[in-house]
Amino acid sequence: MALICLDLDGTVLHEGKPVKGVIESIELLKKNNHEIAIATGRSPLLLNNYDSLLGVDYLVLANGGHVQVKGNIIFERYIPSEYVKRAMEYSDSENIDLVIEYDDKYVAYRKDTDIPDKFCDIFKIDKPDIDRNYYPNRNVFSMIVFDSDKIDDMRKKLPELQFNSSNKFGYDVNLKGDLKADGIRALVDHLGYEMNDVFAIGDGYNDISMIKAVGHGIAMGNASQELKDKAEYITTDVNNYGLMNALKYYSLI
């Protein structure tokens, strides 16, 4: 029995829809008594019921900041409000589009361009309302910034945070750490697995930590080169049965 951790966008989804072979692959994994987890940068509010569609009960969300087992939360990690406030202040000083993902809604703190809307269109999520308020007592899973020219400077101004390019438009902003790997470790400890019995499959920079942490790290054919360099195996791309081919390579299905 193995635990297989699947990134969503670019791994099992393309433009917000499951690609051919994904649901069949998950059904075959279950038939062979393996267990499956979603491991995504999406927060709970942006999951869009993909867990139900794919038939997956284990969720590592918000780049490892929120972990669920069959609907029960077993691990959460938020960005301290002081760092959120500093990100807001930097966004204002540099005119950077900023989306904030609270635990009960996601909002655009700044939206001076149409890039956040394009991001939402690609990921099939509702466009965020604009909310310029600071809420010191609200929980923030993550943020998204949309100005690649300012990322290096923002990293220097906010060293407590981690910025990972997860798509062609935006950067996921999380509390610095091992991100998805931390969430997977919490799940593995809860379920009683050994890391050698865990597989992880992804395509982006935010997948590097989990690819390195598990026993078997797999990069999609459409993955970033940096992720491919860290992977044990490189499969075909998302639209060419990448997931199914990887699972067949390891004789999991």
Protein backbone atom coordinates (compact mmCIF):
# COMPACT_ATOMS: atom_id res chain seq x y z
CA MET A 1 0.00 0.00 0.00
CA ALA A 2 1.27 3.46 -0.92
CA LEU A 3 0.15 7.06 -0.52
CA ILE A 4 0.13 9.07 -3.75
CA CYS A 5 0.08 12.89 -3.43
CA LEU A 6 -1.18 14.71 -6.50
CA ASP A 7 -0.76 18.34 -7.40
CA LEU A 8 -3.83 19.71 -9.18
CA ASP A 9 -3.17 22.41 -11.78
CA GLY A 10 -0.80 21.22 -14.49
CA THR A 11 -0.76 17.69 -13.08
CA VAL A 12 -4.31 16.34 -13.03
CA LEU A 13 -6.06 19.48 -14.28
CA HIS A 14 -5.58 21.52 -17.43
CA GLU A 15 -7.42 24.85 -17.62
CA GLY A 16 -9.53 23.81 -14.66
CA LYS A 17 -10.65 20.41 -15.96
CA PRO A 18 -9.41 16.86 -15.22
CA VAL A 19 -7.45 15.54 -18.19
CA LYS A 20 -8.01 12.19 -19.86
CA GLY A 21 -7.00 9.21 -17.79
CA VAL A 22 -6.97 10.95 -14.40
CA ILE A 23 -10.23 9.68 -12.92
CA GLU A 24 -9.57 6.21 -14.32
CA SER A 25 -6.08 6.25 -12.77
CA ILE A 26 -7.46 7.22 -9.35
CA GLU A 27 -10.04 4.44 -9.52
CA LEU A 28 -7.31 1.93 -10.39
CA LEU A 29 -5.18 3.14 -7.48
CA LYS A 30 -8.07 2.56 -5.10
CA LYS A 31 -8.70 -0.87 -6.59
CA ASN A 32 -5.07 -1.73 -5.81
CA ASN A 33 -5.56 -0.54 -2.19
CA HIS A 34 -3.47 2.61 -2.51
CA GLU A 35 -4.53 5.93 -0.98
CA ILE A 36 -4.59 9.32 -2.68
CA ALA A 37 -4.12 12.88 -1.46
CA ILE A 38 -4.52 16.18 -3.26
CA ALA A 39 -1.51 18.45 -2.61
CA THR A 40 -2.18 21.88 -4.08
CA GLY A 41 -1.47 25.55 -3.64
CA ARG A 42 -5.21 26.19 -3.75
CA SER A 43 -6.79 27.13 -0.41
CA PRO A 44 -10.01 25.41 0.74
CA LEU A 45 -12.12 28.17 -0.81
CA LEU A 46 -10.51 27.65 -4.22
CA LEU A 47 -10.79 23.86 -4.28
CA ASN A 48 -14.02 23.99 -6.34
CA ASN A 49 -15.13 20.51 -5.21
CA TYR A 50 -12.29 18.81 -7.09
CA ASP A 51 -11.93 16.49 -4.11
CA SER A 52 -15.46 15.17 -4.69
CA LEU A 53 -15.01 15.06 -8.46
CA LEU A 54 -11.80 13.06 -8.13
CA GLY A 55 -13.01 10.99 -5.19
CA VAL A 56 -10.18 12.01 -2.84
CA ASP A 57 -10.57 12.27 0.97
CA TYR A 58 -7.08 13.48 1.94
CA LEU A 59 -6.32 17.14 1.25
CA VAL A 60 -3.07 19.08 1.59
CA LEU A 61 -4.15 22.61 0.66
CA ALA A 62 -2.74 26.16 0.62
CA ASN A 63 0.77 24.82 -0.10
CA GLY A 64 0.72 22.69 3.03
CA GLY A 65 -1.00 25.25 5.27
CA HIS A 66 -4.21 23.26 5.68
CA VAL A 67 -4.55 19.47 5.89
CA GLN A 68 -7.81 17.51 6.04
CA VAL A 69 -8.53 13.82 6.52
CA LYS A 70 -12.07 12.90 5.50
CA GLY A 71 -13.33 16.37 6.35
CA ASN A 72 -11.47 16.71 9.65
CA ILE A 73 -8.73 19.34 9.92
CA ILE A 74 -5.52 17.84 11.32
CA PHE A 75 -3.05 20.66 10.59
CA GLU A 76 -3.21 24.40 9.86
CA ARG A 77 -0.60 27.11 9.44
CA TYR A 78 -1.46 30.77 8.87
CA ILE A 79 0.52 33.84 7.90
CA PRO A 80 0.85 36.11 10.97
CA SER A 81 -1.20 39.29 10.59
CA GLU A 82 1.86 41.53 10.96
CA TYR A 83 3.33 40.01 7.76
CA VAL A 84 0.02 40.42 5.96
CA LYS A 85 -0.04 44.09 6.92
CA ARG A 86 3.53 44.58 5.65
CA ALA A 87 2.60 42.90 2.37
CA MET A 88 -0.35 45.29 2.05
CA GLU A 89 1.91 48.27 2.70
CA TYR A 90 4.42 47.09 0.11
CA SER A 91 1.60 46.50 -2.37
CA ASP A 92 0.44 50.08 -1.87
CA SER A 93 3.90 51.61 -2.14
CA GLU A 94 4.74 49.74 -5.36
CA ASN A 95 1.24 49.50 -6.90
CA ILE A 96 1.29 45.69 -6.97
CA ASP A 97 -1.87 43.63 -7.44
CA LEU A 98 -2.40 41.53 -4.30
CA VAL A 99 -4.97 38.83 -3.52
CA ILE A 100 -5.41 37.66 0.07
CA GLU A 101 -6.83 34.23 0.89
CA TYR A 102 -8.58 34.31 4.26
CA ASP A 103 -10.05 31.14 5.72
CA ASP A 104 -13.59 32.31 4.90
CA LYS A 105 -13.13 34.28 1.65
CA TYR A 106 -10.51 35.56 -0.78
CA VAL A 107 -10.31 39.21 -1.76
CA ALA A 108 -8.26 41.54 -3.91
CA TYR A 109 -6.50 44.07 -1.69
CA ARG A 110 -5.25 45.79 -4.85
CA LYS A 111 -6.40 45.14 -8.40
CA ASP A 112 -4.97 47.86 -10.63
CA THR A 113 -4.67 45.62 -13.70
CA ASP A 114 -6.72 42.82 -15.24
CA ILE A 115 -4.11 40.16 -14.42
CA PRO A 116 -5.91 38.84 -11.29
CA ASP A 117 -9.05 38.36 -13.39
CA LYS A 118 -7.08 36.48 -16.05
CA PHE A 119 -5.64 34.30 -13.27
CA CYS A 120 -9.17 33.53 -12.07
CA ASP A 121 -10.33 32.70 -15.60
CA ILE A 122 -7.53 30.16 -16.08
CA PHE A 123 -8.20 28.44 -12.76
CA LYS A 124 -12.00 28.57 -13.14
CA ILE A 125 -12.60 30.50 -9.92
CA ASP A 126 -14.78 33.52 -9.21
CA LYS A 127 -13.16 36.92 -9.51
CA PRO A 128 -12.39 38.36 -6.05
CA ASP A 129 -14.13 41.38 -4.59
CA ILE A 130 -11.95 44.36 -3.74
CA ASP A 131 -11.43 44.85 0.00
CA ARG A 132 -8.92 47.47 1.13
CA ASN A 133 -9.32 46.79 4.85
CA TYR A 134 -6.80 45.24 7.23
CA TYR A 135 -8.18 42.57 9.55
CA PRO A 136 -5.64 41.76 12.30
CA ASN A 137 -7.75 38.96 13.75
CA ARG A 138 -8.60 37.08 10.55
CA ASN A 139 -6.71 33.97 9.50
CA VAL A 140 -4.78 34.17 6.21
CA PHE A 141 -3.73 30.94 4.49
CA SER A 142 -1.78 32.57 1.69
CA MET A 143 -1.54 35.53 -0.67
CA ILE A 144 -0.93 35.95 -4.40
CA VAL A 145 1.10 38.75 -5.95
CA PHE A 146 1.09 39.60 -9.64
CA ASP A 147 4.23 41.60 -10.45
CA SER A 148 7.28 39.51 -11.31
CA ASP A 149 9.49 42.60 -11.62
CA LYS A 150 9.06 43.34 -7.91
CA ILE A 151 9.34 39.82 -6.51
CA ASP A 152 13.06 39.92 -5.70
CA ASP A 153 12.68 43.21 -3.84
CA MET A 154 9.57 41.95 -2.04
CA ARG A 155 11.49 38.86 -0.90
CA LYS A 156 14.11 41.13 0.66
CA LYS A 157 11.50 43.30 2.38
CA LEU A 158 9.55 40.27 3.67
CA PRO A 159 12.16 37.58 4.44
CA GLU A 160 9.71 35.71 6.68
CA LEU A 161 7.60 34.83 3.64
CA GLN A 162 8.20 32.50 0.71
CA PHE A 163 7.34 33.38 -2.90
CA ASN A 164 6.82 30.59 -5.42
CA SER A 165 5.83 30.97 -9.05
CA SER A 166 2.87 28.64 -9.49
CA ASN A 167 1.61 29.89 -12.85
CA LYS A 168 2.46 32.37 -15.59
CA PHE A 169 0.67 35.22 -13.83
CA GLY A 170 1.17 35.02 -10.08
CA TYR A 171 3.35 34.05 -7.16
CA ASP A 172 2.03 32.12 -4.17
CA VAL A 173 3.01 33.80 -0.92
CA ASN A 174 3.21 31.60 2.19
CA LEU A 175 4.92 31.55 5.55
CA LYS A 176 8.48 30.37 4.98
CA GLY A 177 8.98 26.64 5.45
CA ASP A 178 8.82 23.36 3.55
CA LEU A 179 5.29 24.19 2.37
CA LYS A 180 3.67 21.15 0.77
CA ALA A 181 6.27 18.88 2.36
CA ASP A 182 5.22 20.05 5.83
CA GLY A 183 1.59 19.31 5.06
CA ILE A 184 2.42 15.90 3.64
CA ARG A 185 4.49 15.06 6.73
CA ALA A 186 1.50 15.93 8.93
CA LEU A 187 -0.71 13.68 6.80
CA VAL A 188 1.85 10.85 6.75
CA ASP A 189 2.24 10.98 10.53
CA HIS A 190 -1.53 10.91 10.98
CA LEU A 191 -2.02 7.94 8.64
CA GLY A 192 1.02 6.01 9.85
CA TYR A 193 2.95 5.79 6.58
CA GLU A 194 6.70 5.82 6.11
CA MET A 195 7.96 8.51 3.73
CA ASN A 196 9.54 5.79 1.58
CA ASP A 197 6.02 4.60 0.79
CA VAL A 198 4.87 8.02 -0.41
CA PHE A 199 4.81 9.22 -4.03
CA ALA A 200 4.37 12.86 -5.07
CA ILE A 201 3.63 14.15 -8.55
CA GLY A 202 3.75 17.80 -9.61
CA ASP A 203 4.80 20.36 -12.19
CA GLY A 204 5.63 23.65 -10.47
CA TYR A 205 8.12 25.38 -8.22
CA ASN A 206 5.77 24.95 -5.27
CA ASP A 207 6.07 21.17 -5.74
CA ILE A 208 9.83 21.03 -5.21
CA SER A 209 9.66 20.58 -1.43
CA MET A 210 7.30 17.61 -1.62
CA ILE A 211 9.19 16.01 -4.51
CA LYS A 212 12.35 16.10 -2.41
CA ALA A 213 10.68 14.97 0.83
CA VAL A 214 8.88 11.81 -0.27
CA GLY A 215 10.29 8.43 -1.22
CA HIS A 216 9.44 8.85 -4.90
CA GLY A 217 9.23 12.31 -6.47
CA ILE A 218 7.80 12.52 -9.98
CA ALA A 219 7.84 15.51 -12.34
CA MET A 220 5.35 16.01 -15.12
CA GLY A 221 6.69 16.38 -18.65
CA ASN A 222 5.41 19.96 -18.59
CA ALA A 223 7.15 20.69 -15.27
CA SER A 224 9.67 23.44 -14.66
CA GLN A 225 13.27 22.39 -15.30
CA GLU A 226 14.15 23.00 -11.66
CA LEU A 227 11.53 20.46 -10.59
CA LYS A 228 12.66 17.95 -13.20
CA ASP A 229 16.20 18.22 -11.88
CA LYS A 230 14.98 17.15 -8.41
CA ALA A 231 12.67 14.33 -9.55
CA GLU A 232 13.34 10.61 -9.41
CA TYR A 233 11.28 10.14 -12.57
CA ILE A 234 9.93 12.40 -15.33
CA THR A 235 6.68 11.34 -16.94
CA THR A 236 4.85 12.66 -20.02
CA ASP A 237 2.99 15.96 -19.94
CA VAL A 238 -0.41 16.65 -18.44
CA ASN A 239 -2.26 16.27 -21.75
CA ASN A 240 -0.44 13.08 -22.70
CA TYR A 241 -1.50 10.77 -19.85
CA GLY A 242 1.29 12.01 -17.58
CA LEU A 243 -0.30 10.77 -14.37
CA MET A 244 -1.33 7.39 -15.76
CA ASN A 245 2.07 6.78 -17.34
CA ALA A 246 3.87 7.58 -14.08
CA LEU A 247 1.66 5.23 -12.09
CA LYS A 248 2.21 2.47 -14.63
CA TYR A 249 5.97 3.02 -14.51
CA TYR A 250 5.93 2.33 -10.77
CA SER A 251 3.47 -0.57 -11.18
CA LEU A 252 0.95 1.20 -8.97
CA ILE A 253 -1.81 0.53 -11.48
